[in-house]
Amino acid sequence: MGYTEEDKQKVLEKMKDKAWKTRDLAKILKLNKRDVDKIVQELIMEGKADYWSSGSTTLVTSKEFLEDMERRRSQG
């Protein structure tokens, strides 16, 4: 494991703000992209994050932000 619990927490905090491409998350947090990919997978397995697709791009975000985006989308 090349990342810490603190790294995992940083990724989750950023995902609460918006949906991200994993490479952008890695760049902004100055982490290795492979580690961010592993962290995201772990957060998804824990039910704290999920994938979101704009139709052409797949992004990752926190469950809370995803639910908020879906609610706003359904309200028009």
C-alpha atoms as a PDB file:
ATOM      1  CA  MET A   1       0.000   0.000   0.000  1.00  0.00           C
ATOM      2  CA  GLY A   2       1.630   3.245  -1.163  1.00  0.00           C
ATOM      3  CA  TYR A   3      -0.779   5.651   0.505  1.00  0.00           C
ATOM      4  CA  THR A   4      -1.770   6.638   4.023  1.00  0.00           C
ATOM      5  CA  GLU A   5      -5.115   6.987   5.746  1.00  0.00           C
ATOM      6  CA  GLU A   6      -4.484  10.744   5.603  1.00  0.00           C
ATOM      7  CA  ASP A   7      -4.167  10.555   1.790  1.00  0.00           C
ATOM      8  CA  LYS A   8      -7.455   8.650   1.670  1.00  0.00           C
ATOM      9  CA  GLN A   9      -9.136  11.332   3.779  1.00  0.00           C
ATOM     10  CA  LYS A  10      -7.790  14.106   1.496  1.00  0.00           C
ATOM     11  CA  VAL A  11      -9.211  12.355  -1.577  1.00  0.00           C
ATOM     12  CA  LEU A  12     -12.612  11.931   0.083  1.00  0.00           C
ATOM     13  CA  GLU A  13     -12.693  15.596   1.167  1.00  0.00           C
ATOM     14  CA  LYS A  14     -11.963  16.776  -2.390  1.00  0.00           C
ATOM     15  CA  MET A  15     -14.666  14.485  -3.794  1.00  0.00           C
ATOM     16  CA  LYS A  16     -17.234  16.119  -1.522  1.00  0.00           C
ATOM     17  CA  ASP A  17     -16.766  19.370  -3.495  1.00  0.00           C
ATOM     18  CA  LYS A  18     -17.247  18.102  -7.059  1.00  0.00           C
ATOM     19  CA  ALA A  19     -16.840  15.188  -9.452  1.00  0.00           C
ATOM     20  CA  TRP A  20     -13.266  14.545 -10.598  1.00  0.00           C
ATOM     21  CA  LYS A  21     -11.163  12.626 -13.084  1.00  0.00           C
ATOM     22  CA  THR A  22      -8.743  10.556 -11.004  1.00  0.00           C
ATOM     23  CA  ARG A  23      -5.724  12.049 -12.790  1.00  0.00           C
ATOM     24  CA  ASP A  24      -6.873  15.570 -11.830  1.00  0.00           C
ATOM     25  CA  LEU A  25      -7.339  14.490  -8.208  1.00  0.00           C
ATOM     26  CA  ALA A  26      -3.833  13.025  -8.208  1.00  0.00           C
ATOM     27  CA  LYS A  27      -2.372  16.199  -9.668  1.00  0.00           C
ATOM     28  CA  ILE A  28      -4.094  18.610  -7.273  1.00  0.00           C
ATOM     29  CA  LEU A  29      -3.287  16.485  -4.211  1.00  0.00           C
ATOM     30  CA  LYS A  30       0.261  15.723  -5.438  1.00  0.00           C
ATOM     31  CA  LEU A  31      -0.303  11.975  -5.154  1.00  0.00           C
ATOM     32  CA  ASN A  32       0.582   9.103  -7.468  1.00  0.00           C
ATOM     33  CA  LYS A  33      -2.309   8.389  -9.879  1.00  0.00           C
ATOM     34  CA  ARG A  34      -2.146   4.650  -9.160  1.00  0.00           C
ATOM     35  CA  ASP A  35      -2.516   5.351  -5.448  1.00  0.00           C
ATOM     36  CA  VAL A  36      -5.494   7.634  -6.128  1.00  0.00           C
ATOM     37  CA  ASP A  37      -7.064   4.894  -8.284  1.00  0.00           C
ATOM     38  CA  LYS A  38      -6.634   2.422  -5.407  1.00  0.00           C
ATOM     39  CA  ILE A  39      -8.009   4.903  -2.863  1.00  0.00           C
ATOM     40  CA  VAL A  40     -11.050   5.588  -5.058  1.00  0.00           C
ATOM     41  CA  GLN A  41     -11.697   1.846  -5.473  1.00  0.00           C
ATOM     42  CA  GLU A  42     -11.468   1.384  -1.715  1.00  0.00           C
ATOM     43  CA  LEU A  43     -13.847   4.300  -1.071  1.00  0.00           C
ATOM     44  CA  ILE A  44     -16.320   2.865  -3.599  1.00  0.00           C
ATOM     45  CA  MET A  45     -16.168  -0.547  -1.909  1.00  0.00           C
ATOM     46  CA  GLU A  46     -16.800   1.169   1.450  1.00  0.00           C
ATOM     47  CA  GLY A  47     -19.838   2.941  -0.036  1.00  0.00           C
ATOM     48  CA  LYS A  48     -18.335   6.422   0.431  1.00  0.00           C
ATOM     49  CA  ALA A  49     -17.778   7.221  -3.249  1.00  0.00           C
ATOM     50  CA  ASP A  50     -19.169   6.332  -6.647  1.00  0.00           C
ATOM     51  CA  TYR A  51     -18.705   6.825 -10.369  1.00  0.00           C
ATOM     52  CA  TRP A  52     -20.691   9.447 -12.262  1.00  0.00           C
ATOM     53  CA  SER A  53     -20.871   9.743 -16.035  1.00  0.00           C
ATOM     54  CA  SER A  54     -21.581  12.891 -17.998  1.00  0.00           C
ATOM     55  CA  GLY A  55     -22.215  10.726 -21.046  1.00  0.00           C
ATOM     56  CA  SER A  56     -18.740  11.135 -22.495  1.00  0.00           C
ATOM     57  CA  THR A  57     -16.581  11.231 -19.362  1.00  0.00           C
ATOM     58  CA  THR A  58     -16.607   9.070 -16.254  1.00  0.00           C
ATOM     59  CA  LEU A  59     -15.812  10.893 -13.031  1.00  0.00           C
ATOM     60  CA  VAL A  60     -15.601   9.951  -9.359  1.00  0.00           C
ATOM     61  CA  THR A  61     -17.249  11.753  -6.485  1.00  0.00           C
ATOM     62  CA  SER A  62     -18.534  11.253  -2.952  1.00  0.00           C
ATOM     63  CA  LYS A  63     -21.923   9.601  -2.427  1.00  0.00           C
ATOM     64  CA  GLU A  64     -23.267  12.837  -0.894  1.00  0.00           C
ATOM     65  CA  PHE A  65     -22.230  14.982  -3.862  1.00  0.00           C
ATOM     66  CA  LEU A  66     -23.591  12.411  -6.308  1.00  0.00           C
ATOM     67  CA  GLU A  67     -26.974  12.352  -4.554  1.00  0.00           C
ATOM     68  CA  ASP A  68     -27.053  16.163  -4.571  1.00  0.00           C
ATOM     69  CA  MET A  69     -26.211  16.287  -8.315  1.00  0.00           C
ATOM     70  CA  GLU A  70     -28.899  13.718  -9.124  1.00  0.00           C
ATOM     71  CA  ARG A  71     -31.469  15.608  -7.039  1.00  0.00           C
ATOM     72  CA  ARG A  72     -30.671  18.882  -8.842  1.00  0.00           C
ATOM     73  CA  ARG A  73     -30.754  17.124 -12.225  1.00  0.00           C
ATOM     74  CA  SER A  74     -34.223  15.648 -11.554  1.00  0.00           C
ATOM     75  CA  GLN A  75     -35.582  19.037 -10.473  1.00  0.00           C
ATOM     76  CA  GLY A  76     -34.595  20.496 -13.813  1.00  0.00           C
END
